[in-house]
C-alpha atoms as a PDB file:
ATOM      1  CA  MET A   1       0.140  -0.220  -0.017  1.00  0.00           C
ATOM      2  CA  THR A   2       1.176   3.425  -0.964  1.00  0.00           C
ATOM      3  CA  ILE A   3       0.636   6.768   1.108  1.00  0.00           C
ATOM      4  CA  SER A   4       0.170   9.459  -1.257  1.00  0.00           C
ATOM      5  CA  PRO A   5       1.952  12.614  -0.662  1.00  0.00           C
ATOM      6  CA  PRO A   6       0.480  15.539   1.440  1.00  0.00           C
ATOM      7  CA  PRO A   7      -0.898  18.691  -0.380  1.00  0.00           C
ATOM      8  CA  GLY A   8       1.617  21.209  -1.321  1.00  0.00           C
ATOM      9  CA  GLY A   9       2.826  23.318   1.463  1.00  0.00           C
ATOM     10  CA  GLN A  10       1.560  21.361   4.170  1.00  0.00           C
ATOM     11  CA  PRO A  11       3.994  18.930   6.518  1.00  0.00           C
ATOM     12  CA  PRO A  12       4.178  14.911   6.211  1.00  0.00           C
ATOM     13  CA  GLY A  13       2.371  13.518   8.855  1.00  0.00           C
ATOM     14  CA  ASP A  14       0.931  10.603  10.213  1.00  0.00           C
ATOM     15  CA  PRO A  15      -2.168  10.130   7.200  1.00  0.00           C
ATOM     16  CA  TRP A  16      -4.894   9.161  10.273  1.00  0.00           C
ATOM     17  CA  GLY A  17      -3.755  11.776  12.476  1.00  0.00           C
ATOM     18  CA  PRO A  18      -6.310  15.114  13.606  1.00  0.00           C
ATOM     19  CA  ALA A  19      -6.884  17.285  10.959  1.00  0.00           C
ATOM     20  CA  PRO A  20      -5.534  20.844  11.080  1.00  0.00           C
ATOM     21  CA  TYR A  21      -7.162  23.079  13.139  1.00  0.00           C
ATOM     22  CA  GLN A  22      -9.618  26.185  10.806  1.00  0.00           C
ATOM     23  CA  PRO A  23     -10.087  28.606  12.250  1.00  0.00           C
ATOM     24  CA  PRO A  24     -14.233  29.385  13.131  1.00  0.00           C
ATOM     25  CA  GLY A  25     -15.557  31.843  10.055  1.00  0.00           C
ATOM     26  CA  GLN A  26     -13.224  28.660   7.746  1.00  0.00           C
ATOM     27  CA  GLN A  27     -14.245  25.703   9.371  1.00  0.00           C
ATOM     28  CA  TYR A  28     -18.249  26.476  10.463  1.00  0.00           C
ATOM     29  CA  GLY A  29     -19.157  29.353   8.671  1.00  0.00           C
ATOM     30  CA  ARG A  30     -22.987  29.912   8.908  1.00  0.00           C
ATOM     31  CA  GLN A  31     -24.628  26.829  10.234  1.00  0.00           C
ATOM     32  CA  PHE A  32     -27.866  26.471  12.446  1.00  0.00           C
ATOM     33  CA  GLY A  33     -28.800  30.486  11.696  1.00  0.00           C
ATOM     34  CA  GLN A  34     -24.703  32.112  13.244  1.00  0.00           C
ATOM     35  CA  GLN A  35     -22.663  34.157  11.298  1.00  0.00           C
ATOM     36  CA  TYR A  36     -19.042  34.599  11.322  1.00  0.00           C
ATOM     37  CA  PRO A  37     -17.310  37.554   9.972  1.00  0.00           C
ATOM     38  CA  PRO A  38     -14.836  36.836   7.265  1.00  0.00           C
ATOM     39  CA  PRO A  39     -11.143  37.023   7.564  1.00  0.00           C
ATOM     40  CA  GLY A  40      -9.782  40.189   8.558  1.00  0.00           C
ATOM     41  CA  GLN A  41     -12.687  42.147   9.410  1.00  0.00           C
ATOM     42  CA  PRO A  42     -13.496  43.063  12.741  1.00  0.00           C
ATOM     43  CA  GLY A  43     -14.483  40.486  15.209  1.00  0.00           C
ATOM     44  CA  TYR A  44     -12.760  37.355  13.314  1.00  0.00           C
ATOM     45  CA  GLY A  45     -13.305  34.003  15.244  1.00  0.00           C
ATOM     46  CA  ALA A  46     -16.170  35.982  17.309  1.00  0.00           C
ATOM     47  CA  ALA A  47     -19.838  35.593  16.627  1.00  0.00           C
ATOM     48  CA  ALA A  48     -21.463  38.935  15.509  1.00  0.00           C
ATOM     49  CA  THR A  49     -22.565  41.978  18.162  1.00  0.00           C
ATOM     50  CA  GLU A  50     -25.431  42.676  15.604  1.00  0.00           C
ATOM     51  CA  THR A  51     -29.198  43.996  17.262  1.00  0.00           C
ATOM     52  CA  CYS A  52     -32.298  41.943  16.622  1.00  0.00           C
ATOM     53  CA  ALA A  53     -34.701  43.125  13.381  1.00  0.00           C
ATOM     54  CA  PHE A  54     -37.251  43.235  15.401  1.00  0.00           C
ATOM     55  CA  HIS A  55     -35.580  44.234  19.214  1.00  0.00           C
ATOM     56  CA  PRO A  56     -33.969  46.790  18.451  1.00  0.00           C
ATOM     57  CA  GLY A  57     -30.982  46.839  21.620  1.00  0.00           C
ATOM     58  CA  ARG A  58     -31.232  43.169  21.650  1.00  0.00           C
ATOM     59  CA  PRO A  59     -28.128  41.964  20.591  1.00  0.00           C
ATOM     60  CA  THR A  60     -27.932  38.844  18.776  1.00  0.00           C
ATOM     61  CA  ALA A  61     -25.160  36.287  16.621  1.00  0.00           C
ATOM     62  CA  LEU A  62     -28.336  34.072  15.075  1.00  0.00           C
ATOM     63  CA  HIS A  63     -29.603  35.109  11.668  1.00  0.00           C
ATOM     64  CA  CYS A  64     -32.546  34.137   9.791  1.00  0.00           C
ATOM     65  CA  THR A  65     -31.369  31.069   6.726  1.00  0.00           C
ATOM     66  CA  ARG A  66     -33.644  33.196   4.482  1.00  0.00           C
ATOM     67  CA  CYS A  67     -34.025  36.376   4.349  1.00  0.00           C
ATOM     68  CA  GLY A  68     -30.351  36.658   6.874  1.00  0.00           C
ATOM     69  CA  ARG A  69     -32.109  39.275   9.023  1.00  0.00           C
ATOM     70  CA  PRO A  70     -30.149  38.942  12.343  1.00  0.00           C
ATOM     71  CA  ALA A  71     -32.701  38.395  14.735  1.00  0.00           C
ATOM     72  CA  CYS A  72     -32.935  37.162  18.305  1.00  0.00           C
ATOM     73  CA  PRO A  73     -33.275  33.096  19.575  1.00  0.00           C
ATOM     74  CA  GLU A  74     -37.255  34.253  20.424  1.00  0.00           C
ATOM     75  CA  CYS A  75     -38.309  35.523  17.149  1.00  0.00           C
ATOM     76  CA  LEU A  76     -36.960  32.683  14.993  1.00  0.00           C
ATOM     77  CA  THR A  77     -38.939  29.216  14.486  1.00  0.00           C
ATOM     78  CA  GLN A  78     -37.806  25.717  13.449  1.00  0.00           C
ATOM     79  CA  ALA A  79     -38.133  25.272   9.491  1.00  0.00           C
ATOM     80  CA  SER A  80     -37.576  22.142   7.008  1.00  0.00           C
ATOM     81  CA  VAL A  81     -33.948  24.073   6.578  1.00  0.00           C
ATOM     82  CA  GLY A  82     -32.041  26.026   9.501  1.00  0.00           C
ATOM     83  CA  PHE A  83     -34.602  28.655  11.653  1.00  0.00           C
ATOM     84  CA  HIS A  84     -36.648  31.256   9.891  1.00  0.00           C
ATOM     85  CA  CYS A  85     -37.739  34.772  11.513  1.00  0.00           C
ATOM     86  CA  ARG A  86     -40.914  35.767  12.313  1.00  0.00           C
ATOM     87  CA  ALA A  87     -41.526  37.903   8.872  1.00  0.00           C
ATOM     88  CA  CYS A  88     -40.703  35.172   6.727  1.00  0.00           C
ATOM     89  CA  VAL A  89     -43.017  32.764   8.866  1.00  0.00           C
ATOM     90  CA  ALA A  90     -45.749  35.470   8.629  1.00  0.00           C
ATOM     91  CA  GLU A  91     -44.844  35.635   4.503  1.00  0.00           C
ATOM     92  CA  SER A  92     -45.175  31.640   4.293  1.00  0.00           C
ATOM     93  CA  ARG A  93     -48.429  31.303   6.481  1.00  0.00           C
ATOM     94  CA  ALA A  94     -49.827  34.224   3.957  1.00  0.00           C
ATOM     95  CA  ASN A  95     -48.666  32.202   1.222  1.00  0.00           C
ATOM     96  CA  GLN A  96     -50.041  28.805   1.935  1.00  0.00           C
ATOM     97  CA  ARG A  97     -53.128  26.864   0.149  1.00  0.00           C
ATOM     98  CA  VAL A  98     -55.717  26.699   2.308  1.00  0.00           C
ATOM     99  CA  ALA A  99     -58.020  23.953   2.316  1.00  0.00           C
ATOM    100  CA  ARG A 100     -61.469  24.672   0.754  1.00  0.00           C
ATOM    101  CA  THR A 101     -65.260  22.422   1.013  1.00  0.00           C
ATOM    102  CA  VAL A 102     -67.045  22.021  -2.104  1.00  0.00           C
ATOM    103  CA  THR A 103     -69.100  25.048  -1.173  1.00  0.00           C
ATOM    104  CA  GLY A 104     -65.704  27.540  -0.265  1.00  0.00           C
ATOM    105  CA  ALA A 105     -65.950  26.708   3.329  1.00  0.00           C
ATOM    106  CA  ARG A 106     -62.690  26.563   5.351  1.00  0.00           C
ATOM    107  CA  VAL A 107     -61.822  22.536   5.814  1.00  0.00           C
ATOM    108  CA  GLY A 108     -61.946  21.749   9.686  1.00  0.00           C
ATOM    109  CA  GLN A 109     -63.300  25.323  10.988  1.00  0.00           C
ATOM    110  CA  GLN A 110     -65.150  24.658  14.170  1.00  0.00           C
ATOM    111  CA  PRO A 111     -69.025  25.239  14.181  1.00  0.00           C
ATOM    112  CA  MET A 112     -70.417  28.153  15.952  1.00  0.00           C
ATOM    113  CA  VAL A 113     -73.585  30.102  14.593  1.00  0.00           C
ATOM    114  CA  THR A 114     -75.053  27.011  15.404  1.00  0.00           C
ATOM    115  CA  PHE A 115     -74.039  27.091  19.364  1.00  0.00           C
ATOM    116  CA  VAL A 116     -75.409  30.837  18.776  1.00  0.00           C
ATOM    117  CA  LEU A 117     -78.038  30.627  17.843  1.00  0.00           C
ATOM    118  CA  ILE A 118     -78.977  27.833  20.681  1.00  0.00           C
ATOM    119  CA  GLY A 119     -77.788  30.955  23.203  1.00  0.00           C
ATOM    120  CA  ILE A 120     -80.055  33.375  21.650  1.00  0.00           C
ATOM    121  CA  ASN A 121     -83.104  30.842  21.280  1.00  0.00           C
ATOM    122  CA  VAL A 122     -82.702  30.160  25.099  1.00  0.00           C
ATOM    123  CA  LEU A 123     -81.873  33.340  26.276  1.00  0.00           C
ATOM    124  CA  ILE A 124     -84.689  35.206  24.604  1.00  0.00           C
ATOM    125  CA  PHE A 125     -86.673  31.968  26.350  1.00  0.00           C
ATOM    126  CA  LEU A 126     -85.759  32.790  29.942  1.00  0.00           C
ATOM    127  CA  ILE A 127     -86.676  36.532  29.502  1.00  0.00           C
ATOM    128  CA  THR A 128     -90.470  35.156  28.455  1.00  0.00           C
ATOM    129  CA  ALA A 129     -90.916  32.841  31.028  1.00  0.00           C
ATOM    130  CA  ILE A 130     -89.652  35.429  33.673  1.00  0.00           C
ATOM    131  CA  GLN A 131     -91.712  37.972  31.785  1.00  0.00           C
ATOM    132  CA  ALA A 132     -94.483  35.605  32.009  1.00  0.00           C
ATOM    133  CA  GLY A 133     -93.607  34.169  35.818  1.00  0.00           C
ATOM    134  CA  SER A 134     -94.520  30.947  34.242  1.00  0.00           C
ATOM    135  CA  GLY A 135     -92.196  28.026  32.485  1.00  0.00           C
ATOM    136  CA  VAL A 136     -95.260  26.838  30.401  1.00  0.00           C
ATOM    137  CA  ASP A 137     -97.713  30.274  29.354  1.00  0.00           C
ATOM    138  CA  LEU A 138     -95.729  32.597  28.090  1.00  0.00           C
ATOM    139  CA  SER A 139     -98.908  33.769  26.654  1.00  0.00           C
ATOM    140  CA  PRO A 140     -98.413  37.303  29.374  1.00  0.00           C
ATOM    141  CA  SER A 141     -95.127  38.060  28.386  1.00  0.00           C
ATOM    142  CA  ARG A 142     -94.431  40.985  26.881  1.00  0.00           C
ATOM    143  CA  ILE A 143     -91.524  40.256  24.321  1.00  0.00           C
ATOM    144  CA  PHE A 144     -93.743  37.042  23.594  1.00  0.00           C
ATOM    145  CA  GLN A 145     -96.878  39.445  22.603  1.00  0.00           C
ATOM    146  CA  ASP A 146     -94.974  41.786  20.577  1.00  0.00           C
ATOM    147  CA  GLY A 147     -92.937  38.701  18.773  1.00  0.00           C
ATOM    148  CA  THR A 148     -95.079  36.061  17.768  1.00  0.00           C
ATOM    149  CA  LEU A 149     -96.323  35.406  14.389  1.00  0.00           C
ATOM    150  CA  ALA A 150     -99.939  36.298  13.135  1.00  0.00           C
ATOM    151  CA  PRO A 151    -100.672  37.477   9.898  1.00  0.00           C
ATOM    152  CA  THR A 152    -103.503  39.577  10.359  1.00  0.00           C
ATOM    153  CA  LEU A 153    -100.471  41.396  12.895  1.00  0.00           C
ATOM    154  CA  VAL A 154     -98.227  41.440   9.942  1.00  0.00           C
ATOM    155  CA  ALA A 155    -101.071  42.739   7.067  1.00  0.00           C
ATOM    156  CA  SER A 156    -101.335  45.100   9.671  1.00  0.00           C
ATOM    157  CA  GLY A 157     -97.663  46.753   9.039  1.00  0.00           C
ATOM    158  CA  GLN A 158     -96.253  44.646  11.823  1.00  0.00           C
ATOM    159  CA  TRP A 159     -92.765  43.004  10.274  1.00  0.00           C
ATOM    160  CA  TRP A 160     -91.633  41.767  11.895  1.00  0.00           C
ATOM    161  CA  ARG A 161     -92.859  38.778  13.913  1.00  0.00           C
ATOM    162  CA  LEU A 162     -92.102  37.010  10.606  1.00  0.00           C
ATOM    163  CA  LEU A 163     -88.092  37.377  11.547  1.00  0.00           C
ATOM    164  CA  THR A 164     -89.070  37.232  16.003  1.00  0.00           C
ATOM    165  CA  SER A 165     -91.665  34.437  15.720  1.00  0.00           C
ATOM    166  CA  GLY A 166     -88.824  32.171  15.631  1.00  0.00           C
ATOM    167  CA  PHE A 167     -86.520  33.127  18.366  1.00  0.00           C
ATOM    168  CA  LEU A 168     -90.274  32.315  20.733  1.00  0.00           C
ATOM    169  CA  HIS A 169     -90.986  28.749  22.151  1.00  0.00           C
ATOM    170  CA  LEU A 170     -94.147  28.077  23.942  1.00  0.00           C
ATOM    171  CA  SER A 171     -92.691  26.021  26.953  1.00  0.00           C
ATOM    172  CA  VAL A 172     -90.010  24.658  27.822  1.00  0.00           C
ATOM    173  CA  ILE A 173     -90.104  21.409  26.118  1.00  0.00           C
ATOM    174  CA  HIS A 174     -90.803  23.553  23.136  1.00  0.00           C
ATOM    175  CA  ILE A 175     -87.206  25.478  23.445  1.00  0.00           C
ATOM    176  CA  GLY A 176     -86.114  21.770  24.307  1.00  0.00           C
ATOM    177  CA  LEU A 177     -87.186  19.401  21.914  1.00  0.00           C
ATOM    178  CA  ASN A 178     -85.727  22.148  19.257  1.00  0.00           C
ATOM    179  CA  MET A 179     -82.353  23.153  19.916  1.00  0.00           C
ATOM    180  CA  LEU A 180     -81.839  18.955  20.516  1.00  0.00           C
ATOM    181  CA  SER A 181     -82.902  19.520  16.424  1.00  0.00           C
ATOM    182  CA  LEU A 182     -80.781  22.439  16.198  1.00  0.00           C
ATOM    183  CA  TYR A 183     -77.937  21.128  17.679  1.00  0.00           C
ATOM    184  CA  PHE A 184     -77.900  16.688  15.713  1.00  0.00           C
ATOM    185  CA  VAL A 185     -78.803  18.601  12.539  1.00  0.00           C
ATOM    186  CA  GLY A 186     -77.439  22.286  12.795  1.00  0.00           C
ATOM    187  CA  VAL A 187     -73.767  21.214  12.994  1.00  0.00           C
ATOM    188  CA  GLY A 188     -72.244  18.933  10.808  1.00  0.00           C
ATOM    189  CA  LEU A 189     -74.698  20.881   8.255  1.00  0.00           C
ATOM    190  CA  GLU A 190     -72.095  23.956   9.139  1.00  0.00           C
ATOM    191  CA  ARG A 191     -68.844  22.242   8.822  1.00  0.00           C
ATOM    192  CA  ILE A 192     -70.040  21.616   5.048  1.00  0.00           C
ATOM    193  CA  LEU A 193     -71.489  25.301   4.625  1.00  0.00           C
ATOM    194  CA  GLY A 194     -68.852  27.609   6.587  1.00  0.00           C
ATOM    195  CA  ARG A 195     -70.858  29.811   8.579  1.00  0.00           C
ATOM    196  CA  THR A 196     -71.662  32.745   6.656  1.00  0.00           C
ATOM    197  CA  ARG A 197     -73.876  30.532   4.655  1.00  0.00           C
ATOM    198  CA  PHE A 198     -74.818  28.374   7.459  1.00  0.00           C
ATOM    199  CA  LEU A 199     -76.677  30.941   8.519  1.00  0.00           C
ATOM    200  CA  ALA A 200     -77.798  32.706   5.258  1.00  0.00           C
ATOM    201  CA  VAL A 201     -79.629  28.612   5.033  1.00  0.00           C
ATOM    202  CA  TYR A 202     -81.056  29.530   8.230  1.00  0.00           C
ATOM    203  CA  LEU A 203     -82.306  32.764   8.440  1.00  0.00           C
ATOM    204  CA  LEU A 204     -83.861  32.237   4.501  1.00  0.00           C
ATOM    205  CA  ALA A 205     -85.516  28.677   5.726  1.00  0.00           C
ATOM    206  CA  LEU A 206     -86.939  30.719   8.652  1.00  0.00           C
ATOM    207  CA  LEU A 207     -88.117  33.554   6.683  1.00  0.00           C
ATOM    208  CA  GLY A 208     -89.344  30.664   4.684  1.00  0.00           C
ATOM    209  CA  GLY A 209     -91.435  29.359   7.183  1.00  0.00           C
ATOM    210  CA  SER A 210     -93.310  32.366   8.095  1.00  0.00           C
ATOM    211  CA  ALA A 211     -94.414  33.361   4.040  1.00  0.00           C
ATOM    212  CA  SER A 212     -95.897  30.304   4.294  1.00  0.00           C
ATOM    213  CA  VAL A 213     -97.596  30.529   7.315  1.00  0.00           C
ATOM    214  CA  MET A 214     -98.841  33.850   5.958  1.00  0.00           C
ATOM    215  CA  LEU A 215     -99.932  32.296   2.575  1.00  0.00           C
ATOM    216  CA  PHE A 216    -101.969  29.423   4.038  1.00  0.00           C
ATOM    217  CA  THR A 217    -103.131  29.927   7.289  1.00  0.00           C
ATOM    218  CA  ASP A 218    -105.929  31.798   9.097  1.00  0.00           C
ATOM    219  CA  PRO A 219    -104.893  35.883   9.139  1.00  0.00           C
ATOM    220  CA  LEU A 220    -106.062  35.128  12.438  1.00  0.00           C
ATOM    221  CA  SER A 221    -103.601  32.102  13.606  1.00  0.00           C
ATOM    222  CA  SER A 222    -100.380  32.252  15.332  1.00  0.00           C
ATOM    223  CA  ALA A 223     -97.352  31.136  14.984  1.00  0.00           C
ATOM    224  CA  VAL A 224     -94.193  30.876  17.350  1.00  0.00           C
ATOM    225  CA  GLY A 225     -90.637  28.589  17.136  1.00  0.00           C
ATOM    226  CA  ALA A 226     -87.653  27.708  15.247  1.00  0.00           C
ATOM    227  CA  SER A 227     -88.995  24.670  13.767  1.00  0.00           C
ATOM    228  CA  GLY A 228     -89.436  26.301   9.971  1.00  0.00           C
ATOM    229  CA  ALA A 229     -86.090  27.036  10.628  1.00  0.00           C
ATOM    230  CA  ILE A 230     -84.304  23.674  11.650  1.00  0.00           C
ATOM    231  CA  PHE A 231     -86.648  21.836   9.030  1.00  0.00           C
ATOM    232  CA  GLY A 232     -84.585  23.907   6.510  1.00  0.00           C
ATOM    233  CA  ILE A 233     -80.894  22.759   7.749  1.00  0.00           C
ATOM    234  CA  LEU A 234     -82.550  19.386   7.748  1.00  0.00           C
ATOM    235  CA  GLY A 235     -83.615  19.907   3.300  1.00  0.00           C
ATOM    236  CA  GLY A 236     -80.282  21.705   3.459  1.00  0.00           C
ATOM    237  CA  LEU A 237     -78.211  18.025   4.994  1.00  0.00           C
ATOM    238  CA  VAL A 238     -80.899  16.149   2.288  1.00  0.00           C
ATOM    239  CA  VAL A 239     -79.367  18.252  -0.446  1.00  0.00           C
ATOM    240  CA  VAL A 240     -76.141  17.755   0.896  1.00  0.00           C
ATOM    241  CA  PHE A 241     -75.896  13.700   1.561  1.00  0.00           C
ATOM    242  CA  LYS A 242     -77.705  13.496  -2.611  1.00  0.00           C
ATOM    243  CA  ARG A 243     -74.650  15.682  -3.812  1.00  0.00           C
ATOM    244  CA  PHE A 244     -71.841  13.600  -1.916  1.00  0.00           C
ATOM    245  CA  ARG A 245     -73.965  10.484  -2.493  1.00  0.00           C
ATOM    246  CA  TYR A 246     -73.818   9.087   0.843  1.00  0.00           C
ATOM    247  CA  ASP A 247     -76.323   6.888   2.645  1.00  0.00           C
ATOM    248  CA  MET A 248     -79.584   8.526   2.931  1.00  0.00           C
ATOM    249  CA  ARG A 249     -82.252   5.591   4.330  1.00  0.00           C
ATOM    250  CA  GLN A 250     -81.885   7.320   7.778  1.00  0.00           C
ATOM    251  CA  LEU A 251     -81.861  10.393   7.101  1.00  0.00           C
ATOM    252  CA  ILE A 252     -85.169  10.320   4.674  1.00  0.00           C
ATOM    253  CA  PHE A 253     -86.887   8.576   7.838  1.00  0.00           C
ATOM    254  CA  VAL A 254     -86.206  11.386  10.466  1.00  0.00           C
ATOM    255  CA  LEU A 255     -87.636  13.413   7.908  1.00  0.00           C
ATOM    256  CA  ALA A 256     -90.544  11.592   7.116  1.00  0.00           C
ATOM    257  CA  ILE A 257     -91.235  11.273  10.415  1.00  0.00           C
ATOM    258  CA  ASN A 258     -91.038  14.983  11.230  1.00  0.00           C
ATOM    259  CA  LEU A 259     -92.872  15.762   8.835  1.00  0.00           C
ATOM    260  CA  TYR A 260     -96.144  12.699   9.241  1.00  0.00           C
ATOM    261  CA  LEU A 261     -95.823  14.468  13.030  1.00  0.00           C
ATOM    262  CA  SER A 262     -96.579  18.194  11.572  1.00  0.00           C
ATOM    263  CA  PHE A 263     -99.898  16.966   9.421  1.00  0.00           C
ATOM    264  CA  GLN A 264    -101.103  14.268  12.502  1.00  0.00           C
ATOM    265  CA  ILE A 265    -100.737  16.953  15.600  1.00  0.00           C
ATOM    266  CA  GLN A 266    -102.783  19.078  16.701  1.00  0.00           C
ATOM    267  CA  GLY A 267    -101.488  22.608  17.034  1.00  0.00           C
ATOM    268  CA  ILE A 268     -97.941  22.461  15.054  1.00  0.00           C
ATOM    269  CA  SER A 269     -97.511  24.524  12.312  1.00  0.00           C
ATOM    270  CA  TRP A 270     -97.307  22.255   8.869  1.00  0.00           C
ATOM    271  CA  GLN A 271     -97.180  25.300   6.841  1.00  0.00           C
ATOM    272  CA  ALA A 272     -93.832  26.676   8.500  1.00  0.00           C
ATOM    273  CA  HIS A 273     -92.250  22.752   8.441  1.00  0.00           C
ATOM    274  CA  VAL A 274     -92.558  23.201   4.628  1.00  0.00           C
ATOM    275  CA  GLY A 275     -91.647  26.093   3.953  1.00  0.00           C
ATOM    276  CA  GLY A 276     -88.940  26.282   5.585  1.00  0.00           C
ATOM    277  CA  LEU A 277     -87.910  22.574   4.266  1.00  0.00           C
ATOM    278  CA  VAL A 278     -88.474  23.793   0.352  1.00  0.00           C
ATOM    279  CA  VAL A 279     -86.008  27.250   0.914  1.00  0.00           C
ATOM    280  CA  GLY A 280     -83.843  25.465   3.018  1.00  0.00           C
ATOM    281  CA  ALA A 281     -82.965  22.833   0.615  1.00  0.00           C
ATOM    282  CA  ALA A 282     -83.120  25.280  -2.189  1.00  0.00           C
ATOM    283  CA  VAL A 283     -80.305  27.708  -1.042  1.00  0.00           C
ATOM    284  CA  THR A 284     -78.129  24.573   0.212  1.00  0.00           C
ATOM    285  CA  ALA A 285     -78.809  23.460  -3.274  1.00  0.00           C
ATOM    286  CA  ALA A 286     -77.216  26.594  -4.685  1.00  0.00           C
ATOM    287  CA  MET A 287     -74.560  26.102  -2.280  1.00  0.00           C
ATOM    288  CA  VAL A 288     -73.230  22.734  -2.811  1.00  0.00           C
ATOM    289  CA  TYR A 289     -73.841  21.978  -6.523  1.00  0.00           C
ATOM    290  CA  PRO A 290     -72.012  24.994  -8.444  1.00  0.00           C
ATOM    291  CA  GLY A 291     -68.578  24.675  -9.235  1.00  0.00           C
ATOM    292  CA  GLN A 292     -65.377  26.665  -8.000  1.00  0.00           C
ATOM    293  CA  ALA A 293     -65.918  29.229 -11.131  1.00  0.00           C
ATOM    294  CA  ILE A 294     -69.398  30.531 -10.535  1.00  0.00           C
ATOM    295  CA  ARG A 295     -69.739  29.636  -6.843  1.00  0.00           C
ATOM    296  CA  LYS A 296     -69.295  32.697  -5.396  1.00  0.00           C
ATOM    297  CA  ARG A 297     -71.993  34.125  -8.182  1.00  0.00           C
ATOM    298  CA  VAL A 298     -73.818  31.846  -7.602  1.00  0.00           C
ATOM    299  CA  GLN A 299     -74.701  31.706  -4.266  1.00  0.00           C
ATOM    300  CA  ILE A 300     -74.470  34.955  -3.234  1.00  0.00           C
ATOM    301  CA  GLY A 301     -77.475  35.529  -6.046  1.00  0.00           C
ATOM    302  CA  ALA A 302     -79.332  32.420  -5.220  1.00  0.00           C
ATOM    303  CA  VAL A 303     -79.589  34.519  -1.656  1.00  0.00           C
ATOM    304  CA  VAL A 304     -80.305  37.480  -3.135  1.00  0.00           C
ATOM    305  CA  VAL A 305     -83.219  35.419  -5.176  1.00  0.00           C
ATOM    306  CA  VAL A 306     -84.808  33.543  -2.491  1.00  0.00           C
ATOM    307  CA  LEU A 307     -85.240  36.645  -0.468  1.00  0.00           C
ATOM    308  CA  VAL A 308     -86.326  38.483  -3.382  1.00  0.00           C
ATOM    309  CA  LEU A 309     -89.486  35.836  -3.808  1.00  0.00           C
ATOM    310  CA  VAL A 310     -90.001  34.991  -0.107  1.00  0.00           C
ATOM    311  CA  ALA A 311     -90.909  38.879   0.057  1.00  0.00           C
ATOM    312  CA  ALA A 312     -93.055  39.002  -2.770  1.00  0.00           C
ATOM    313  CA  ALA A 313     -94.780  35.365  -1.124  1.00  0.00           C
ATOM    314  CA  VAL A 314     -95.450  37.993   1.499  1.00  0.00           C
ATOM    315  CA  VAL A 315     -96.667  40.998  -0.116  1.00  0.00           C
ATOM    316  CA  PHE A 316     -98.682  38.886  -1.932  1.00  0.00           C
ATOM    317  CA  SER A 317    -100.485  37.038   0.800  1.00  0.00           C
ATOM    318  CA  ASP A 318    -100.932  40.543   3.037  1.00  0.00           C
ATOM    319  CA  THR A 319    -103.211  41.887  -0.279  1.00  0.00           C
ATOM    320  CA  GLN A 320    -105.324  38.147   0.041  1.00  0.00           C
ATOM    321  CA  ILE A 321    -105.469  38.740   3.938  1.00  0.00           C
ATOM    322  CA  GLY A 322    -108.859  41.396   4.488  1.00  0.00           C
ATOM    323  CA  VAL A 323    -108.824  41.514   8.189  1.00  0.00           C
ATOM    324  CA  ARG A 324    -106.387  44.183   9.711  1.00  0.00           C
ATOM    325  CA  CYS A 325    -106.441  45.524  13.681  1.00  0.00           C
ATOM    326  CA  SER A 326    -108.682  48.184  12.450  1.00  0.00           C
ATOM    327  CA  ASP A 327    -111.685  45.932  12.204  1.00  0.00           C
ATOM    328  CA  ILE A 328    -110.828  43.702  15.238  1.00  0.00           C
ATOM    329  CA  THR A 329    -110.023  45.646  17.756  1.00  0.00           C
ATOM    330  CA  ALA A 330    -113.235  44.713  19.991  1.00  0.00           C
ATOM    331  CA  THR A 331    -111.917  41.091  19.773  1.00  0.00           C
ATOM    332  CA  GLN A 332    -108.929  42.581  21.675  1.00  0.00           C
ATOM    333  CA  PHE A 333    -107.264  40.178  19.485  1.00  0.00           C
ATOM    334  CA  VAL A 334    -103.253  40.366  21.299  1.00  0.00           C
ATOM    335  CA  GLY A 335    -101.079  42.381  19.259  1.00  0.00           C
ATOM    336  CA  CYS A 336    -103.345  44.852  17.434  1.00  0.00           C
ATOM    337  CA  THR A 337    -102.973  47.037  20.341  1.00  0.00           C
ATOM    338  CA  GLY A 338     -99.310  47.586  19.081  1.00  0.00           C
ATOM    339  CA  GLY A 339    -100.767  48.053  15.087  1.00  0.00           C
END
């Protein structure tokens, strides 16, 4: 075996011995975010004394391996290669592509609107129960009287009842069943639609149920409850199941049972249930079926068109109602004193 001679200028020695010593600036260079000044510069062989770009006055020898900014350990984040400063981390996150659902909502966004709606309904119920002094008969409550949906009162100019009636309930059992239903069907649909789109479906279904009550019930009748909006959410789930070809048998069975009970049990407003169901399904279809290129325009357009149709239905029903508060003041119909 022969041993090659050492390079020029290097003294001969044991080839298996330790390598010659090199100064830190030449041996390591920039490593793990550190930087050494080049030979011949002040501080050669020692860490540079610079200040953090994000904490002026805080000395540091560390640098961002992406942009080269001096940064203290608090301002550096470990990356796949080296360490990145705050500015580079923020820029990387801004450029990351966000995963979206078929409706354009963020994937993994936690449901919030469902719980807010439940909280609002429960809060209003507690207020009306306190005013009425009862949890089973809320009719003495002023809020209940001023918010109940009655076609005659709406035709007399009290338009707010179309919306407020959806947040009122008759008893503890009534609100309990409705809020449980809203939780079970609302969370899943909100994950697909996203918060804003889910709220749009809920409110339009509520108004659709109110418009159906205006069209198909006695002018002197009244209705309250969130069931119209909940049927709209249920109809939206049916559309989503159809869109993704999920097994719909259990969902259809639940919907069929609820619709059957709506027509069989006296005192339940099937008009609100059917109206909310139709509107909720229609709006959800506009949310989940359009392609990405036209998705936003179709969604906004569908919300506007449905809102206009609901308003037109209410206006038409008003023209068909011949009874106004001025005609029935002698009967002391609840709410006419405010008309």
